[in-house]
Amino acid sequence: MTNRATGIGSMPGDDYAESVQIVLGEVGDLPFLPELPARGVHAGMTARALATITELGVDLQPAGWRLTDASGLDHGRAVSLLNRDLDTAEELRPARLETIKVQVAGPWTLAATVERPRGDKVLGDPGARRDLAQALAEGVLRHVQDVRRRLAPDRVVLQLDEPALPTVLAGGVPTASGFHRHRSIGPAEAAQAIDWVIEEVSASGVETVLHCCASGIPWRILSQTRLDAVSFDMAQLVSADLDELGSWVDSGRQVWPGVIRTEPAATLPAASEATRQVLAWWSALGFTAAETLPATTLTPACGLASASTAGARAALALVAEVARNLSVEQGKMER
């Protein structure tokens, strides 16, 4: 049985070619297109997602990214930066690329960070958040098609980054004044917006995963979507998550546990210790040593933007080693 390793997406520094080379050298079967937010606001998670959108006008205001009548120069800079990064990845791609993972901010994190034309978040306007989610879905499809054209992978994995999703669902996103909170979003609408993005790419065989490294992952809502997998920080899970997570696994869908801490002061464990922790986690879900574990994709707990270049390389190498160790342990169980 084969397990995979990959990164969440963000990497340190401002040298895109170096980051691509690190990813290709360390993670094995599931490399990803890195994101380098240290390069500034045009390279951040929100800007990267907005760079895929052409249906709506977008510009950068003092308060952040905002929908406008027509896109401004800053949106053009974000688009240009994304295209230059794809040029670099195309130059460095190996002769055979089986799979590549791309990341984009999901519809609810975008709605919680992008402003409407007259101010306050898109989240507060049902029509605006619908328009943004549907424009994102169309933009992501074009982005995936561009990645396929440039890099010629056999398969593409799309990761929707949704760090704000639990806060959106809990009604915890503050209004512009800071004195109130935007209303919570209902389960049906939350699932529908995620599915709009998935439906655009699923016809071409794209594997989809939602990443959220916050606590309070809404497993029941995500189970109503067409997602193939959920990526999360293993340390953020609480006992209440286990039943829902177990039902997710029993339904045949994947989990991508983040098994390596990513805080700047965190000390990387030995690969053997990290492997034992993953096996213990599976055991807590009911998969004991007598059973065959599902194939698993392992990641760091979150992005690596705050790490040093050497630290990011070491974290990715460690995750890959733990994935190999886990495959060895599973092989022992099967014999």
C-alpha atoms as a PDB file:
ATOM      1  CA  MET A   1       0.000   0.000   0.000  1.00  0.00           C
ATOM      2  CA  THR A   2       1.328   3.434  -0.915  1.00  0.00           C
ATOM      3  CA  ASN A   3       0.983   6.573   1.161  1.00  0.00           C
ATOM      4  CA  ARG A   4       1.783  10.044  -0.112  1.00  0.00           C
ATOM      5  CA  ALA A   5       3.445  13.131   1.287  1.00  0.00           C
ATOM      6  CA  THR A   6       2.981  16.739   0.244  1.00  0.00           C
ATOM      7  CA  GLY A   7       3.048  20.282   1.593  1.00  0.00           C
ATOM      8  CA  ILE A   8       0.162  22.606   2.303  1.00  0.00           C
ATOM      9  CA  GLY A   9       1.355  25.233  -0.175  1.00  0.00           C
ATOM     10  CA  SER A  10       3.204  28.180   1.319  1.00  0.00           C
ATOM     11  CA  MET A  11       7.004  28.229   1.409  1.00  0.00           C
ATOM     12  CA  PRO A  12       9.510  30.740   2.802  1.00  0.00           C
ATOM     13  CA  GLY A  13      11.499  33.381   0.987  1.00  0.00           C
ATOM     14  CA  ASP A  14      11.105  35.002  -2.411  1.00  0.00           C
ATOM     15  CA  ASP A  15      13.008  32.665  -4.742  1.00  0.00           C
ATOM     16  CA  TYR A  16      10.324  30.758  -6.619  1.00  0.00           C
ATOM     17  CA  ALA A  17      12.712  28.562  -8.578  1.00  0.00           C
ATOM     18  CA  GLU A  18      14.429  27.440  -5.380  1.00  0.00           C
ATOM     19  CA  SER A  19      11.086  26.562  -3.786  1.00  0.00           C
ATOM     20  CA  VAL A  20      10.006  24.534  -6.820  1.00  0.00           C
ATOM     21  CA  GLN A  21      13.297  22.632  -6.738  1.00  0.00           C
ATOM     22  CA  ILE A  22      12.893  21.886  -3.016  1.00  0.00           C
ATOM     23  CA  VAL A  23       9.358  20.601  -3.530  1.00  0.00           C
ATOM     24  CA  LEU A  24      10.318  18.408  -6.476  1.00  0.00           C
ATOM     25  CA  GLY A  25      13.285  17.042  -4.571  1.00  0.00           C
ATOM     26  CA  GLU A  26      11.571  16.226  -1.287  1.00  0.00           C
ATOM     27  CA  VAL A  27       7.894  15.247  -1.493  1.00  0.00           C
ATOM     28  CA  GLY A  28       7.962  12.421  -4.020  1.00  0.00           C
ATOM     29  CA  ASP A  29       4.670  11.438  -5.646  1.00  0.00           C
ATOM     30  CA  LEU A  30       2.635  14.558  -4.844  1.00  0.00           C
ATOM     31  CA  PRO A  31       4.569  17.785  -5.525  1.00  0.00           C
ATOM     32  CA  PHE A  32       2.728  21.085  -5.275  1.00  0.00           C
ATOM     33  CA  LEU A  33       3.016  24.519  -6.821  1.00  0.00           C
ATOM     34  CA  PRO A  34       4.505  26.574  -3.983  1.00  0.00           C
ATOM     35  CA  GLU A  35       3.177  29.920  -2.808  1.00  0.00           C
ATOM     36  CA  LEU A  36       5.597  32.547  -1.478  1.00  0.00           C
ATOM     37  CA  PRO A  37       3.601  35.130   0.524  1.00  0.00           C
ATOM     38  CA  ALA A  38       6.806  36.844   1.708  1.00  0.00           C
ATOM     39  CA  ARG A  39       6.925  38.533  -1.708  1.00  0.00           C
ATOM     40  CA  GLY A  40       4.112  40.842  -0.647  1.00  0.00           C
ATOM     41  CA  VAL A  41       0.383  41.441  -0.904  1.00  0.00           C
ATOM     42  CA  HIS A  42       0.219  40.383  -4.561  1.00  0.00           C
ATOM     43  CA  ALA A  43       1.514  36.925  -3.614  1.00  0.00           C
ATOM     44  CA  GLY A  44      -0.781  36.288  -0.646  1.00  0.00           C
ATOM     45  CA  MET A  45      -3.491  33.655  -0.471  1.00  0.00           C
ATOM     46  CA  THR A  46      -6.317  36.065  -1.325  1.00  0.00           C
ATOM     47  CA  ALA A  47      -4.426  37.638  -4.213  1.00  0.00           C
ATOM     48  CA  ARG A  48      -3.536  34.219  -5.670  1.00  0.00           C
ATOM     49  CA  ALA A  49      -7.200  33.233  -5.787  1.00  0.00           C
ATOM     50  CA  LEU A  50      -8.338  36.568  -7.182  1.00  0.00           C
ATOM     51  CA  ALA A  51      -5.662  36.284  -9.889  1.00  0.00           C
ATOM     52  CA  THR A  52      -7.631  33.389 -11.387  1.00  0.00           C
ATOM     53  CA  ILE A  53     -10.823  35.477 -11.663  1.00  0.00           C
ATOM     54  CA  THR A  54     -11.695  37.507 -14.747  1.00  0.00           C
ATOM     55  CA  GLU A  55     -15.487  37.776 -14.418  1.00  0.00           C
ATOM     56  CA  LEU A  56     -15.397  40.355 -11.607  1.00  0.00           C
ATOM     57  CA  GLY A  57     -13.478  43.592 -11.191  1.00  0.00           C
ATOM     58  CA  VAL A  58     -10.970  43.557  -8.322  1.00  0.00           C
ATOM     59  CA  ASP A  59      -8.608  46.144  -6.888  1.00  0.00           C
ATOM     60  CA  LEU A  60      -6.464  46.636  -3.808  1.00  0.00           C
ATOM     61  CA  GLN A  61      -7.643  49.295  -1.359  1.00  0.00           C
ATOM     62  CA  PRO A  62      -6.093  50.439   1.945  1.00  0.00           C
ATOM     63  CA  ALA A  63      -8.440  48.036   3.773  1.00  0.00           C
ATOM     64  CA  GLY A  64      -7.554  45.118   1.497  1.00  0.00           C
ATOM     65  CA  TRP A  65      -8.842  43.518  -1.695  1.00  0.00           C
ATOM     66  CA  ARG A  66     -12.209  44.815  -2.901  1.00  0.00           C
ATOM     67  CA  LEU A  67     -14.654  44.071  -5.722  1.00  0.00           C
ATOM     68  CA  THR A  68     -14.832  47.006  -8.144  1.00  0.00           C
ATOM     69  CA  ASP A  69     -16.379  47.933 -11.476  1.00  0.00           C
ATOM     70  CA  ALA A  70     -13.114  47.147 -13.261  1.00  0.00           C
ATOM     71  CA  SER A  71      -9.906  45.463 -12.154  1.00  0.00           C
ATOM     72  CA  GLY A  72      -7.053  47.781 -11.201  1.00  0.00           C
ATOM     73  CA  LEU A  73      -3.295  47.664 -11.531  1.00  0.00           C
ATOM     74  CA  ASP A  74      -2.809  45.611  -8.375  1.00  0.00           C
ATOM     75  CA  HIS A  75      -5.024  42.838  -9.660  1.00  0.00           C
ATOM     76  CA  GLY A  76      -2.977  42.892 -12.859  1.00  0.00           C
ATOM     77  CA  ARG A  77       0.213  42.550 -10.800  1.00  0.00           C
ATOM     78  CA  ALA A  78      -1.219  39.507  -9.011  1.00  0.00           C
ATOM     79  CA  VAL A  79      -2.150  37.929 -12.347  1.00  0.00           C
ATOM     80  CA  SER A  80       1.301  38.666 -13.766  1.00  0.00           C
ATOM     81  CA  LEU A  81       3.046  37.172 -10.735  1.00  0.00           C
ATOM     82  CA  LEU A  82       1.001  33.973 -10.961  1.00  0.00           C
ATOM     83  CA  ASN A  83       1.837  33.656 -14.669  1.00  0.00           C
ATOM     84  CA  ARG A  84       5.556  34.197 -14.016  1.00  0.00           C
ATOM     85  CA  ASP A  85       5.471  31.501 -11.348  1.00  0.00           C
ATOM     86  CA  LEU A  86       3.871  29.087 -13.798  1.00  0.00           C
ATOM     87  CA  ASP A  87       6.570  29.975 -16.336  1.00  0.00           C
ATOM     88  CA  THR A  88       9.211  29.030 -13.762  1.00  0.00           C
ATOM     89  CA  ALA A  89       7.470  25.785 -12.846  1.00  0.00           C
ATOM     90  CA  GLU A  90       7.196  24.920 -16.532  1.00  0.00           C
ATOM     91  CA  GLU A  91      10.946  25.435 -17.018  1.00  0.00           C
ATOM     92  CA  LEU A  92      11.792  23.201 -14.035  1.00  0.00           C
ATOM     93  CA  ARG A  93       9.223  20.422 -14.519  1.00  0.00           C
ATOM     94  CA  PRO A  94      10.643  16.912 -14.713  1.00  0.00           C
ATOM     95  CA  ALA A  95      10.386  14.861 -17.901  1.00  0.00           C
ATOM     96  CA  ARG A  96       7.512  12.888 -16.355  1.00  0.00           C
ATOM     97  CA  LEU A  97       5.145  14.512 -13.901  1.00  0.00           C
ATOM     98  CA  GLU A  98       2.526  12.111 -12.621  1.00  0.00           C
ATOM     99  CA  THR A  99       0.637  14.445 -10.272  1.00  0.00           C
ATOM    100  CA  ILE A 100       0.716  18.113  -9.315  1.00  0.00           C
ATOM    101  CA  LYS A 101      -1.238  19.842  -6.544  1.00  0.00           C
ATOM    102  CA  VAL A 102      -2.472  23.407  -6.891  1.00  0.00           C
ATOM    103  CA  GLN A 103      -3.924  25.494  -4.080  1.00  0.00           C
ATOM    104  CA  VAL A 104      -6.491  28.278  -4.091  1.00  0.00           C
ATOM    105  CA  ALA A 105      -8.421  30.055  -1.356  1.00  0.00           C
ATOM    106  CA  GLY A 106     -11.908  28.592  -1.062  1.00  0.00           C
ATOM    107  CA  PRO A 107     -15.144  30.549  -1.553  1.00  0.00           C
ATOM    108  CA  TRP A 108     -15.833  31.126   2.134  1.00  0.00           C
ATOM    109  CA  THR A 109     -12.371  32.333   3.053  1.00  0.00           C
ATOM    110  CA  LEU A 110     -12.547  34.694   0.070  1.00  0.00           C
ATOM    111  CA  ALA A 111     -15.982  35.934   1.126  1.00  0.00           C
ATOM    112  CA  ALA A 112     -14.616  36.621   4.607  1.00  0.00           C
ATOM    113  CA  THR A 113     -11.593  38.581   3.352  1.00  0.00           C
ATOM    114  CA  VAL A 114     -12.685  40.415   0.180  1.00  0.00           C
ATOM    115  CA  GLU A 115     -14.782  43.589   0.467  1.00  0.00           C
ATOM    116  CA  ARG A 116     -17.834  44.672  -1.486  1.00  0.00           C
ATOM    117  CA  PRO A 117     -17.603  47.834  -3.651  1.00  0.00           C
ATOM    118  CA  ARG A 118     -19.062  50.032  -0.897  1.00  0.00           C
ATOM    119  CA  GLY A 119     -17.180  48.397   1.909  1.00  0.00           C
ATOM    120  CA  ASP A 120     -17.581  45.543   4.394  1.00  0.00           C
ATOM    121  CA  LYS A 121     -17.088  41.921   3.536  1.00  0.00           C
ATOM    122  CA  VAL A 122     -18.630  40.049   0.649  1.00  0.00           C
ATOM    123  CA  LEU A 123     -19.834  37.622   3.308  1.00  0.00           C
ATOM    124  CA  GLY A 124     -22.571  40.064   4.306  1.00  0.00           C
ATOM    125  CA  ASP A 125     -24.270  40.097   0.888  1.00  0.00           C
ATOM    126  CA  PRO A 126     -25.891  36.860  -0.376  1.00  0.00           C
ATOM    127  CA  GLY A 127     -25.758  37.964  -4.017  1.00  0.00           C
ATOM    128  CA  ALA A 128     -22.141  39.118  -3.816  1.00  0.00           C
ATOM    129  CA  ARG A 129     -20.934  35.949  -2.153  1.00  0.00           C
ATOM    130  CA  ARG A 130     -22.747  33.852  -4.764  1.00  0.00           C
ATOM    131  CA  ASP A 131     -21.178  35.876  -7.598  1.00  0.00           C
ATOM    132  CA  LEU A 132     -17.709  35.587  -6.049  1.00  0.00           C
ATOM    133  CA  ALA A 133     -18.005  31.828  -5.504  1.00  0.00           C
ATOM    134  CA  GLN A 134     -19.190  31.209  -9.065  1.00  0.00           C
ATOM    135  CA  ALA A 135     -16.497  33.460 -10.530  1.00  0.00           C
ATOM    136  CA  LEU A 136     -13.936  31.569  -8.448  1.00  0.00           C
ATOM    137  CA  ALA A 137     -15.220  28.252  -9.797  1.00  0.00           C
ATOM    138  CA  GLU A 138     -14.779  29.432 -13.390  1.00  0.00           C
ATOM    139  CA  GLY A 139     -11.372  30.916 -12.618  1.00  0.00           C
ATOM    140  CA  VAL A 140     -10.122  27.766 -10.951  1.00  0.00           C
ATOM    141  CA  LEU A 141     -11.116  25.711 -13.985  1.00  0.00           C
ATOM    142  CA  ARG A 142      -9.072  28.009 -16.247  1.00  0.00           C
ATOM    143  CA  HIS A 143      -6.143  27.825 -13.826  1.00  0.00           C
ATOM    144  CA  VAL A 144      -6.232  24.025 -13.766  1.00  0.00           C
ATOM    145  CA  GLN A 145      -6.405  23.948 -17.565  1.00  0.00           C
ATOM    146  CA  ASP A 146      -3.402  26.286 -17.754  1.00  0.00           C
ATOM    147  CA  VAL A 147      -1.430  24.106 -15.340  1.00  0.00           C
ATOM    148  CA  ARG A 148      -2.257  21.056 -17.440  1.00  0.00           C
ATOM    149  CA  ARG A 149      -1.178  22.793 -20.636  1.00  0.00           C
ATOM    150  CA  ARG A 150       2.099  24.014 -19.189  1.00  0.00           C
ATOM    151  CA  LEU A 151       3.178  21.104 -16.970  1.00  0.00           C
ATOM    152  CA  ALA A 152       1.451  18.133 -18.664  1.00  0.00           C
ATOM    153  CA  PRO A 153       0.810  16.130 -15.466  1.00  0.00           C
ATOM    154  CA  ASP A 154      -1.094  12.867 -15.579  1.00  0.00           C
ATOM    155  CA  ARG A 155      -3.315  14.071 -12.735  1.00  0.00           C
ATOM    156  CA  VAL A 156      -4.112  17.337 -10.953  1.00  0.00           C
ATOM    157  CA  VAL A 157      -5.120  17.710  -7.307  1.00  0.00           C
ATOM    158  CA  LEU A 158      -6.996  20.879  -6.341  1.00  0.00           C
ATOM    159  CA  GLN A 159      -6.731  22.054  -2.747  1.00  0.00           C
ATOM    160  CA  LEU A 160      -9.271  24.588  -1.484  1.00  0.00           C
ATOM    161  CA  ASP A 161      -7.781  26.531   1.427  1.00  0.00           C
ATOM    162  CA  GLU A 162     -10.537  27.359   3.915  1.00  0.00           C
ATOM    163  CA  PRO A 163      -8.930  28.571   7.170  1.00  0.00           C
ATOM    164  CA  ALA A 164     -11.893  30.896   7.793  1.00  0.00           C
ATOM    165  CA  LEU A 165     -14.629  28.301   7.278  1.00  0.00           C
ATOM    166  CA  PRO A 166     -15.265  27.428  10.961  1.00  0.00           C
ATOM    167  CA  THR A 167     -15.424  31.147  11.849  1.00  0.00           C
ATOM    168  CA  VAL A 168     -17.810  31.859   8.958  1.00  0.00           C
ATOM    169  CA  LEU A 169     -20.126  29.050  10.043  1.00  0.00           C
ATOM    170  CA  ALA A 170     -20.035  30.194  13.673  1.00  0.00           C
ATOM    171  CA  GLY A 171     -20.950  33.790  12.788  1.00  0.00           C
ATOM    172  CA  GLY A 172     -17.597  35.035  14.054  1.00  0.00           C
ATOM    173  CA  VAL A 173     -16.386  37.239  11.189  1.00  0.00           C
ATOM    174  CA  PRO A 174     -16.406  40.893  12.378  1.00  0.00           C
ATOM    175  CA  THR A 175     -18.103  43.640  10.386  1.00  0.00           C
ATOM    176  CA  ALA A 176     -16.157  46.680   9.224  1.00  0.00           C
ATOM    177  CA  SER A 177     -17.029  48.609  12.393  1.00  0.00           C
ATOM    178  CA  GLY A 178     -15.744  45.816  14.599  1.00  0.00           C
ATOM    179  CA  PHE A 179     -18.820  46.102  16.832  1.00  0.00           C
ATOM    180  CA  HIS A 180     -20.857  43.337  15.191  1.00  0.00           C
ATOM    181  CA  ARG A 181     -20.411  39.980  13.503  1.00  0.00           C
ATOM    182  CA  HIS A 182     -21.664  38.768  10.151  1.00  0.00           C
ATOM    183  CA  ARG A 183     -24.474  36.251  10.370  1.00  0.00           C
ATOM    184  CA  SER A 184     -23.558  32.604  10.211  1.00  0.00           C
ATOM    185  CA  ILE A 185     -23.990  30.748   6.931  1.00  0.00           C
ATOM    186  CA  GLY A 186     -26.396  27.806   6.737  1.00  0.00           C
ATOM    187  CA  PRO A 187     -25.088  24.297   6.046  1.00  0.00           C
ATOM    188  CA  ALA A 188     -26.779  23.964   2.645  1.00  0.00           C
ATOM    189  CA  GLU A 189     -25.375  27.237   1.307  1.00  0.00           C
ATOM    190  CA  ALA A 190     -21.932  26.457   2.724  1.00  0.00           C
ATOM    191  CA  ALA A 191     -21.802  23.083   0.983  1.00  0.00           C
ATOM    192  CA  GLN A 192     -23.228  24.457  -2.272  1.00  0.00           C
ATOM    193  CA  ALA A 193     -20.520  27.099  -2.738  1.00  0.00           C
ATOM    194  CA  ILE A 194     -17.778  24.530  -2.225  1.00  0.00           C
ATOM    195  CA  ASP A 195     -19.455  22.201  -4.686  1.00  0.00           C
ATOM    196  CA  TRP A 196     -19.653  24.923  -7.349  1.00  0.00           C
ATOM    197  CA  VAL A 197     -15.860  24.885  -7.476  1.00  0.00           C
ATOM    198  CA  ILE A 198     -15.615  21.097  -7.367  1.00  0.00           C
ATOM    199  CA  GLU A 199     -18.197  20.614 -10.130  1.00  0.00           C
ATOM    200  CA  GLU A 200     -16.232  22.822 -12.521  1.00  0.00           C
ATOM    201  CA  VAL A 201     -13.130  20.625 -12.324  1.00  0.00           C
ATOM    202  CA  SER A 202     -14.485  17.164 -11.493  1.00  0.00           C
ATOM    203  CA  ALA A 203     -15.426  16.319 -15.086  1.00  0.00           C
ATOM    204  CA  SER A 204     -11.724  16.354 -15.997  1.00  0.00           C
ATOM    205  CA  GLY A 205     -10.807  13.936 -13.210  1.00  0.00           C
ATOM    206  CA  VAL A 206      -9.339  16.447 -10.761  1.00  0.00           C
ATOM    207  CA  GLU A 207      -9.005  15.159  -7.190  1.00  0.00           C
ATOM    208  CA  THR A 208     -10.292  17.723  -4.662  1.00  0.00           C
ATOM    209  CA  VAL A 209      -9.238  18.312  -1.068  1.00  0.00           C
ATOM    210  CA  LEU A 210     -10.253  21.019   1.391  1.00  0.00           C
ATOM    211  CA  HIS A 211      -7.588  22.227   3.810  1.00  0.00           C
ATOM    212  CA  CYS A 212      -8.411  23.811   7.161  1.00  0.00           C
ATOM    213  CA  CYS A 213      -5.815  23.955   9.929  1.00  0.00           C
ATOM    214  CA  ALA A 214      -8.226  25.597  12.402  1.00  0.00           C
ATOM    215  CA  SER A 215     -10.237  23.718  14.998  1.00  0.00           C
ATOM    216  CA  GLY A 216     -13.924  23.007  14.503  1.00  0.00           C
ATOM    217  CA  ILE A 217     -13.863  21.440  11.041  1.00  0.00           C
ATOM    218  CA  PRO A 218     -17.524  21.024   9.960  1.00  0.00           C
ATOM    219  CA  TRP A 219     -17.390  17.347   9.012  1.00  0.00           C
ATOM    220  CA  ARG A 220     -21.139  16.986   8.561  1.00  0.00           C
ATOM    221  CA  ILE A 221     -21.291  19.883   6.115  1.00  0.00           C
ATOM    222  CA  LEU A 222     -18.253  18.681   4.187  1.00  0.00           C
ATOM    223  CA  SER A 223     -19.794  15.229   3.941  1.00  0.00           C
ATOM    224  CA  GLN A 224     -22.589  16.823   1.900  1.00  0.00           C
ATOM    225  CA  THR A 225     -20.085  18.023  -0.725  1.00  0.00           C
ATOM    226  CA  ARG A 226     -18.279  16.122  -3.471  1.00  0.00           C
ATOM    227  CA  LEU A 227     -14.879  16.545  -1.829  1.00  0.00           C
ATOM    228  CA  ASP A 228     -12.494  13.608  -2.086  1.00  0.00           C
ATOM    229  CA  ALA A 229     -10.463  14.489   1.005  1.00  0.00           C
ATOM    230  CA  VAL A 230     -10.023  16.844   3.947  1.00  0.00           C
ATOM    231  CA  SER A 231      -6.622  18.137   5.071  1.00  0.00           C
ATOM    232  CA  PHE A 232      -6.224  19.246   8.697  1.00  0.00           C
ATOM    233  CA  ASP A 233      -3.848  19.773  11.606  1.00  0.00           C
ATOM    234  CA  MET A 234      -3.929  16.491  13.515  1.00  0.00           C
ATOM    235  CA  ALA A 235      -3.165  18.306  16.793  1.00  0.00           C
ATOM    236  CA  GLN A 236      -6.282  20.501  16.443  1.00  0.00           C
ATOM    237  CA  LEU A 237      -8.697  17.580  16.519  1.00  0.00           C
ATOM    238  CA  VAL A 238     -10.616  16.894  19.704  1.00  0.00           C
ATOM    239  CA  SER A 239     -12.426  13.765  20.824  1.00  0.00           C
ATOM    240  CA  ALA A 240     -15.714  15.117  19.462  1.00  0.00           C
ATOM    241  CA  ASP A 241     -14.216  15.063  15.952  1.00  0.00           C
ATOM    242  CA  LEU A 242     -13.385  11.365  15.983  1.00  0.00           C
ATOM    243  CA  ASP A 243     -16.859   9.965  15.305  1.00  0.00           C
ATOM    244  CA  GLU A 244     -17.461  12.339  12.401  1.00  0.00           C
ATOM    245  CA  LEU A 245     -13.988  11.728  11.032  1.00  0.00           C
ATOM    246  CA  GLY A 246     -14.480   7.985  11.352  1.00  0.00           C
ATOM    247  CA  SER A 247     -17.720   8.233   9.363  1.00  0.00           C
ATOM    248  CA  TRP A 248     -15.854  10.228   6.712  1.00  0.00           C
ATOM    249  CA  VAL A 249     -13.231   7.478   6.394  1.00  0.00           C
ATOM    250  CA  ASP A 250     -15.868   4.733   6.418  1.00  0.00           C
ATOM    251  CA  SER A 251     -17.567   6.430   3.471  1.00  0.00           C
ATOM    252  CA  GLY A 252     -14.430   5.782   1.428  1.00  0.00           C
ATOM    253  CA  ARG A 253     -13.086   9.328   1.429  1.00  0.00           C
ATOM    254  CA  GLN A 254      -9.554  10.331   2.295  1.00  0.00           C
ATOM    255  CA  VAL A 255      -7.981  12.173   5.210  1.00  0.00           C
ATOM    256  CA  TRP A 256      -4.789  14.197   4.973  1.00  0.00           C
ATOM    257  CA  PRO A 257      -3.506  14.620   8.547  1.00  0.00           C
ATOM    258  CA  GLY A 258      -0.942  17.327   9.217  1.00  0.00           C
ATOM    259  CA  VAL A 259       1.588  15.492  11.330  1.00  0.00           C
ATOM    260  CA  ILE A 260       4.589  17.854  11.619  1.00  0.00           C
ATOM    261  CA  ARG A 261       4.382  21.068  13.653  1.00  0.00           C
ATOM    262  CA  THR A 262       5.201  24.198  11.647  1.00  0.00           C
ATOM    263  CA  GLU A 263       5.684  26.894  14.301  1.00  0.00           C
ATOM    264  CA  PRO A 264       9.085  28.613  13.970  1.00  0.00           C
ATOM    265  CA  ALA A 265      10.210  27.327  17.389  1.00  0.00           C
ATOM    266  CA  ALA A 266       8.960  23.775  16.840  1.00  0.00           C
ATOM    267  CA  THR A 267      11.526  20.975  16.977  1.00  0.00           C
ATOM    268  CA  LEU A 268      11.106  18.300  14.353  1.00  0.00           C
ATOM    269  CA  PRO A 269      10.644  14.821  15.842  1.00  0.00           C
ATOM    270  CA  ALA A 270      12.469  11.738  14.673  1.00  0.00           C
ATOM    271  CA  ALA A 271      10.718  10.011  11.789  1.00  0.00           C
ATOM    272  CA  SER A 272      10.182   6.901  13.930  1.00  0.00           C
ATOM    273  CA  GLU A 273       8.425   8.928  16.633  1.00  0.00           C
ATOM    274  CA  ALA A 274       6.225  10.752  14.113  1.00  0.00           C
ATOM    275  CA  THR A 275       5.303   7.408  12.545  1.00  0.00           C
ATOM    276  CA  ARG A 276       4.272   6.032  15.946  1.00  0.00           C
ATOM    277  CA  GLN A 277       2.092   9.106  16.512  1.00  0.00           C
ATOM    278  CA  VAL A 278       0.305   8.571  13.202  1.00  0.00           C
ATOM    279  CA  LEU A 279      -0.271   4.881  13.979  1.00  0.00           C
ATOM    280  CA  ALA A 280      -1.607   5.814  17.424  1.00  0.00           C
ATOM    281  CA  TRP A 281      -3.946   8.355  15.843  1.00  0.00           C
ATOM    282  CA  TRP A 282      -5.325   5.738  13.456  1.00  0.00           C
ATOM    283  CA  SER A 283      -5.750   3.375  16.395  1.00  0.00           C
ATOM    284  CA  ALA A 284      -7.843   6.009  18.199  1.00  0.00           C
ATOM    285  CA  LEU A 285     -10.121   6.016  15.154  1.00  0.00           C
ATOM    286  CA  GLY A 286     -10.610   2.276  15.501  1.00  0.00           C
ATOM    287  CA  PHE A 287      -7.978   1.075  13.064  1.00  0.00           C
ATOM    288  CA  THR A 288      -5.932  -1.202  15.288  1.00  0.00           C
ATOM    289  CA  ALA A 289      -2.714  -3.009  14.462  1.00  0.00           C
ATOM    290  CA  ALA A 290      -4.767  -6.009  13.270  1.00  0.00           C
ATOM    291  CA  GLU A 291      -6.436  -4.008  10.511  1.00  0.00           C
ATOM    292  CA  THR A 292      -5.213  -2.586   7.247  1.00  0.00           C
ATOM    293  CA  LEU A 293      -5.040   1.166   7.388  1.00  0.00           C
ATOM    294  CA  PRO A 294      -6.458   3.293   4.567  1.00  0.00           C
ATOM    295  CA  ALA A 295      -3.940   4.913   2.253  1.00  0.00           C
ATOM    296  CA  THR A 296      -3.076   8.324   3.701  1.00  0.00           C
ATOM    297  CA  THR A 297      -1.626  11.587   2.450  1.00  0.00           C
ATOM    298  CA  LEU A 298       0.580  13.171   5.112  1.00  0.00           C
ATOM    299  CA  THR A 299       1.453  16.864   5.335  1.00  0.00           C
ATOM    300  CA  PRO A 300       2.960  19.390   7.725  1.00  0.00           C
ATOM    301  CA  ALA A 301       0.338  20.798  10.077  1.00  0.00           C
ATOM    302  CA  CYS A 302       0.087  24.027   8.110  1.00  0.00           C
ATOM    303  CA  GLY A 303       2.014  26.128   5.622  1.00  0.00           C
ATOM    304  CA  LEU A 304       5.766  26.658   5.856  1.00  0.00           C
ATOM    305  CA  ALA A 305       5.960  30.387   5.079  1.00  0.00           C
ATOM    306  CA  SER A 306       7.356  31.199   8.539  1.00  0.00           C
ATOM    307  CA  ALA A 307      10.073  28.534   8.409  1.00  0.00           C
ATOM    308  CA  SER A 308      13.623  29.005   7.185  1.00  0.00           C
ATOM    309  CA  THR A 309      14.448  27.546   3.793  1.00  0.00           C
ATOM    310  CA  ALA A 310      16.414  24.763   5.483  1.00  0.00           C
ATOM    311  CA  GLY A 311      13.575  24.199   7.940  1.00  0.00           C
ATOM    312  CA  ALA A 312      10.993  23.926   5.166  1.00  0.00           C
ATOM    313  CA  ARG A 313      13.166  21.441   3.303  1.00  0.00           C
ATOM    314  CA  ALA A 314      13.625  19.362   6.469  1.00  0.00           C
ATOM    315  CA  ALA A 315       9.894  19.381   7.259  1.00  0.00           C
ATOM    316  CA  LEU A 316       8.950  18.176   3.773  1.00  0.00           C
ATOM    317  CA  ALA A 317      11.657  15.497   3.845  1.00  0.00           C
ATOM    318  CA  LEU A 318      10.432  14.308   7.233  1.00  0.00           C
ATOM    319  CA  VAL A 319       6.810  14.059   6.084  1.00  0.00           C
ATOM    320  CA  ALA A 320       7.949  12.012   3.085  1.00  0.00           C
ATOM    321  CA  GLU A 321       9.933   9.677   5.342  1.00  0.00           C
ATOM    322  CA  VAL A 322       6.963   9.181   7.663  1.00  0.00           C
ATOM    323  CA  ALA A 323       4.775   8.313   4.651  1.00  0.00           C
ATOM    324  CA  ARG A 324       7.309   5.676   3.588  1.00  0.00           C
ATOM    325  CA  ASN A 325       7.499   4.307   7.133  1.00  0.00           C
ATOM    326  CA  LEU A 326       3.728   4.071   7.298  1.00  0.00           C
ATOM    327  CA  SER A 327       3.669   2.083   4.053  1.00  0.00           C
ATOM    328  CA  VAL A 328       6.221  -0.337   5.522  1.00  0.00           C
ATOM    329  CA  GLU A 329       4.101  -0.800   8.661  1.00  0.00           C
ATOM    330  CA  GLN A 330       0.997  -1.397   6.575  1.00  0.00           C
ATOM    331  CA  GLY A 331       2.901  -3.948   4.523  1.00  0.00           C
ATOM    332  CA  LYS A 332       3.795  -5.831   7.682  1.00  0.00           C
ATOM    333  CA  MET A 333       0.119  -5.973   8.690  1.00  0.00           C
ATOM    334  CA  GLU A 334      -0.914  -7.308   5.298  1.00  0.00           C
ATOM    335  CA  ARG A 335       1.552 -10.215   5.322  1.00  0.00           C
END
